[in-house]
């Protein structure tokens, strides 16, 4: 049985990512704000916000947030959390128009990598710039090209049980090295008391980026790249042993 990407991924998103340390990631964001912003950051736009878990931690620190995600199901879950000072919108990060501007724009969990075409990346950076206050920051976590090519994607299995439902998910990656992206086909089986009652597949295509490529894209879009570091370690250098990186840039 093949089902829609948005419905299934939204339904099990938090279960698949239960080990993710959202607090530590928001601590990193706050440290980056303090290190690189020319003024205090109070408003944050989060692209690819998922179910709003980063917004929970940002709210605890007093930030006002707006989360954007392509999945209406994800946004429904995020809104249901009733997070203080947080609003959510359904939209495409490659081209969006929201009311207001922000002190910082962030995109975590390599969500920016869903933009696999060059024109999508350029359009997204243009939209980000249009939504930032003067000297506003863009902080984006993405896959590190040298690391992806050195480590190489491999098949992985994730299993857990929730509410009596046993979930088994296995990934099958296909590398497209010359085009800088990986297709990941997820096969998911759902069982109850050992008996399978549903299965489906999801295809995720993820772009990876190279440091000089990032500097070109950001400079062309009107940003100064301030730092490219390990995830999530300010002041570090990225090499072929790191799968992810974070780029921090300031609107010119």
Protein backbone atom coordinates (compact mmCIF):
# COMPACT_ATOMS: atom_id res chain seq x y z
CA UNK A 1 0.00 0.00 0.00
CA UNK A 2 1.45 3.37 -1.00
CA UNK A 3 0.17 6.39 0.87
CA UNK A 4 0.80 10.11 0.69
CA UNK A 5 4.12 11.42 1.97
CA UNK A 6 2.60 14.20 4.07
CA UNK A 7 0.04 12.13 5.98
CA UNK A 8 2.29 9.27 7.00
CA UNK A 9 5.40 11.28 7.76
CA UNK A 10 3.45 13.78 9.87
CA UNK A 11 1.68 11.00 11.77
CA UNK A 12 4.89 9.31 12.90
CA UNK A 13 7.36 12.20 12.68
CA UNK A 14 7.83 12.73 16.41
CA UNK A 15 8.18 9.00 17.05
CA UNK A 16 10.88 8.62 14.42
CA UNK A 17 12.77 11.58 15.90
CA UNK A 18 12.19 11.04 19.61
CA UNK A 19 15.93 11.06 20.38
CA UNK A 20 16.48 14.49 18.86
CA UNK A 21 17.75 17.04 21.40
CA UNK A 22 15.70 20.11 20.50
CA UNK A 23 16.80 21.96 23.62
CA UNK A 24 20.48 21.61 22.73
CA UNK A 25 19.79 22.77 19.18
CA UNK A 26 17.97 25.87 20.40
CA UNK A 27 20.80 26.53 22.87
CA UNK A 28 23.09 26.49 19.83
CA UNK A 29 20.82 28.92 17.97
CA UNK A 30 20.79 31.31 20.90
CA UNK A 31 24.59 31.17 21.15
CA UNK A 32 24.80 31.92 17.41
CA UNK A 33 22.40 34.87 17.84
CA UNK A 34 24.55 36.30 20.60
CA UNK A 35 27.80 35.75 18.70
CA UNK A 36 26.78 37.05 15.30
CA UNK A 37 23.76 39.36 15.58
CA UNK A 38 24.35 43.11 15.63
CA UNK A 39 21.29 43.55 17.88
CA UNK A 40 19.22 41.37 20.22
CA UNK A 41 17.15 38.72 18.42
CA UNK A 42 13.51 38.51 19.46
CA UNK A 43 11.66 37.20 16.36
CA UNK A 44 12.54 33.98 14.54
CA UNK A 45 11.25 32.46 11.30
CA UNK A 46 11.68 28.68 11.13
CA UNK A 47 11.58 27.10 7.67
CA UNK A 48 10.62 23.43 7.60
CA UNK A 49 9.34 23.65 11.15
CA UNK A 50 7.73 20.20 11.21
CA UNK A 51 5.53 19.67 14.26
CA UNK A 52 6.80 22.72 16.17
CA UNK A 53 9.29 21.13 18.54
CA UNK A 54 11.93 23.84 18.06
CA UNK A 55 9.23 26.46 18.68
CA UNK A 56 8.54 24.95 22.10
CA UNK A 57 12.15 25.46 23.16
CA UNK A 58 12.39 28.90 21.54
CA UNK A 59 9.24 29.97 23.40
CA UNK A 60 10.80 28.92 26.71
CA UNK A 61 13.58 31.39 25.99
CA UNK A 62 11.14 34.20 25.20
CA UNK A 63 11.37 34.30 21.41
CA UNK A 64 8.39 34.97 19.14
CA UNK A 65 8.32 32.54 16.24
CA UNK A 66 6.66 31.80 12.94
CA UNK A 67 7.01 28.27 11.59
CA UNK A 68 6.58 27.44 7.91
CA UNK A 69 6.14 23.92 6.53
CA UNK A 70 4.88 22.42 3.29
CA UNK A 71 2.86 19.78 5.13
CA UNK A 72 -0.53 20.97 6.36
CA UNK A 73 -0.65 17.86 8.60
CA UNK A 74 2.61 18.90 10.28
CA UNK A 75 1.27 22.42 10.78
CA UNK A 76 -1.96 21.08 12.29
CA UNK A 77 0.10 19.18 14.88
CA UNK A 78 2.25 22.25 15.59
CA UNK A 79 -0.81 24.47 16.08
CA UNK A 80 -2.40 21.91 18.40
CA UNK A 81 0.50 22.39 20.83
CA UNK A 82 -0.67 25.97 21.61
CA UNK A 83 2.89 27.25 21.90
CA UNK A 84 3.17 30.79 23.35
CA UNK A 85 4.14 33.53 20.88
CA UNK A 86 4.21 31.01 18.02
CA UNK A 87 2.28 31.10 14.77
CA UNK A 88 2.41 28.61 11.91
CA UNK A 89 1.86 28.76 8.17
CA UNK A 90 1.61 26.20 5.39
CA UNK A 91 3.98 27.12 2.60
CA UNK A 92 6.89 26.26 0.34
CA UNK A 93 10.25 27.47 1.62
CA UNK A 94 11.49 27.88 -1.96
CA UNK A 95 9.10 30.81 -2.42
CA UNK A 96 6.98 32.36 0.31
CA UNK A 97 5.44 35.67 1.34
CA UNK A 98 4.51 36.22 4.99
CA UNK A 99 3.43 39.28 6.90
CA UNK A 100 6.22 40.99 8.81
CA UNK A 101 9.98 40.63 9.05
CA UNK A 102 12.21 38.76 11.46
CA UNK A 103 15.50 39.19 13.27
CA UNK A 104 16.60 35.68 12.29
CA UNK A 105 15.58 32.91 9.93
CA UNK A 106 16.55 29.33 10.78
CA UNK A 107 16.11 25.99 9.04
CA UNK A 108 17.00 22.88 11.02
CA UNK A 109 17.20 19.13 10.54
CA UNK A 110 18.55 19.59 6.97
CA UNK A 111 15.05 20.60 5.82
CA UNK A 112 16.64 23.08 3.40
CA UNK A 113 18.05 20.05 1.56
CA UNK A 114 14.62 19.25 0.15
CA UNK A 115 15.37 22.05 -2.31
CA UNK A 116 17.41 20.00 -4.78
CA UNK A 117 17.29 22.37 -7.76
CA UNK A 118 19.59 25.39 -8.08
CA UNK A 119 16.71 27.73 -8.91
CA UNK A 120 14.85 26.59 -5.76
CA UNK A 121 17.87 27.44 -3.62
CA UNK A 122 18.26 30.86 -5.19
CA UNK A 123 14.55 31.58 -4.82
CA UNK A 124 14.54 30.44 -1.19
CA UNK A 125 17.48 32.68 -0.27
CA UNK A 126 15.76 35.61 -1.99
CA UNK A 127 12.59 34.96 0.04
CA UNK A 128 14.61 34.66 3.24
CA UNK A 129 16.33 37.98 2.59
CA UNK A 130 12.97 39.68 1.96
CA UNK A 131 11.73 38.47 5.35
CA UNK A 132 14.76 39.56 7.40
CA UNK A 133 15.26 42.86 9.15
CA UNK A 134 18.44 44.77 8.22
CA UNK A 135 21.49 42.73 9.31
CA UNK A 136 19.21 39.80 10.11
CA UNK A 137 20.73 36.34 10.43
CA UNK A 138 20.13 33.19 8.40
CA UNK A 139 21.15 29.96 10.15
CA UNK A 140 20.71 26.82 8.09
CA UNK A 141 21.63 23.21 8.90
CA UNK A 142 22.26 21.04 5.84
CA UNK A 143 24.13 17.99 4.62
CA UNK A 144 27.87 18.50 4.09
CA UNK A 145 28.88 17.43 0.58
CA UNK A 146 32.45 16.25 1.39
CA UNK A 147 31.08 14.24 4.31
CA UNK A 148 28.29 12.61 2.31
CA UNK A 149 30.70 11.57 -0.45
CA UNK A 150 33.28 10.30 2.05
CA UNK A 151 30.96 8.46 4.46
CA UNK A 152 28.36 7.49 1.81
CA UNK A 153 24.67 6.85 2.56
CA UNK A 154 23.74 3.39 3.84
CA UNK A 155 20.54 1.49 4.55
CA UNK A 156 19.28 1.93 8.12
CA UNK A 157 16.50 0.46 10.21
CA UNK A 158 14.37 2.28 12.81
CA UNK A 159 11.94 0.36 15.01
CA UNK A 160 9.67 1.40 17.88
CA UNK A 161 6.32 0.58 19.44
CA UNK A 162 3.68 3.19 20.29
CA UNK A 163 0.09 2.68 21.46
CA UNK A 164 0.34 -1.03 20.69
CA UNK A 165 1.54 -0.39 17.11
CA UNK A 166 4.91 -1.79 16.08
CA UNK A 167 6.64 0.40 13.49
CA UNK A 168 9.49 -0.84 11.30
CA UNK A 169 11.13 1.57 8.86
CA UNK A 170 14.07 0.80 6.60
CA UNK A 171 15.82 3.28 4.32
CA UNK A 172 17.25 2.52 0.88
CA UNK A 173 19.45 5.37 -0.43
CA UNK A 174 20.46 6.04 -4.03
CA UNK A 175 23.30 8.50 -4.64
CA UNK A 176 23.15 11.08 -7.45
CA UNK A 177 26.65 12.46 -6.91
CA UNK A 178 26.92 14.66 -9.99
CA UNK A 179 23.61 16.35 -9.14
CA UNK A 180 24.40 16.73 -5.42
CA UNK A 181 21.45 14.83 -3.99
CA UNK A 182 20.43 11.48 -2.53
CA UNK A 183 17.12 9.69 -3.04
CA UNK A 184 16.06 7.88 0.13
CA UNK A 185 13.24 5.39 -0.22
CA UNK A 186 11.66 4.54 3.13
CA UNK A 187 9.71 1.29 3.45
CA UNK A 188 7.47 1.28 6.50
CA UNK A 189 5.59 -1.66 8.04
CA UNK A 190 2.98 -1.31 10.77
CA UNK A 191 2.05 -4.31 12.91
CA UNK A 192 -0.12 -5.07 15.92
CA UNK A 193 0.69 -8.10 18.09
CA UNK A 194 3.10 -9.28 15.43
CA UNK A 195 0.59 -9.11 12.57
CA UNK A 196 1.21 -6.58 9.80
CA UNK A 197 -1.83 -4.47 8.97
CA UNK A 198 -0.35 -1.73 6.79
CA UNK A 199 2.75 -0.92 4.75
CA UNK A 200 3.76 2.00 2.59
CA UNK A 201 6.75 3.69 0.97
CA UNK A 202 8.01 7.28 1.06
CA UNK A 203 10.61 8.89 -1.19
CA UNK A 204 12.72 11.74 0.20
CA UNK A 205 15.22 13.52 -2.09
CA UNK A 206 17.91 15.41 -0.17
CA UNK A 207 20.48 17.89 -1.52
CA UNK A 208 23.99 18.12 -0.09
CA UNK A 209 26.14 21.25 -0.24
CA UNK A 210 29.80 22.22 -0.47
CA UNK A 211 31.29 25.17 1.48
CA UNK A 212 32.42 27.16 -1.57
CA UNK A 213 29.07 26.53 -3.24
CA UNK A 214 27.31 27.90 -0.15
CA UNK A 215 29.46 31.03 -0.14
CA UNK A 216 28.57 31.63 -3.80
CA UNK A 217 24.82 31.17 -3.30
CA UNK A 218 24.67 33.36 -0.19
CA UNK A 219 26.85 36.13 -1.64
CA UNK A 220 24.76 36.20 -4.81
CA UNK A 221 21.59 36.46 -2.70
CA UNK A 222 22.92 39.41 -0.69
CA UNK A 223 24.37 37.76 2.42
CA UNK A 224 27.75 37.73 4.12
CA UNK A 225 28.70 34.22 5.24
CA UNK A 226 29.98 34.59 8.80
CA UNK A 227 30.66 30.98 9.69
CA UNK A 228 30.37 27.43 8.39
CA UNK A 229 30.68 25.06 11.33
CA UNK A 230 29.97 21.56 12.55
CA UNK A 231 26.46 20.72 13.74
CA UNK A 232 26.08 22.21 16.38
CA UNK A 233 29.49 23.59 17.37
CA UNK A 234 30.30 27.25 16.86
CA UNK A 235 33.86 28.11 15.89
CA UNK A 236 34.69 24.70 14.40
CA UNK A 237 35.90 23.64 10.96
CA UNK A 238 34.01 21.25 8.72
CA UNK A 239 35.79 18.39 6.95
CA UNK A 240 34.93 15.14 5.18
CA UNK A 241 34.18 13.40 8.49
CA UNK A 242 31.07 15.52 9.17
CA UNK A 243 27.74 14.55 7.62
CA UNK A 244 26.02 17.83 8.54
CA UNK A 245 27.09 21.45 8.74
CA UNK A 246 25.56 24.77 9.73
CA UNK A 247 25.97 27.92 7.67
CA UNK A 248 25.48 31.26 9.42
CA UNK A 249 25.05 34.36 7.27
CA UNK A 250 24.00 37.98 7.74
CA UNK A 251 21.86 40.00 5.39
CA UNK A 252 23.97 42.73 3.77
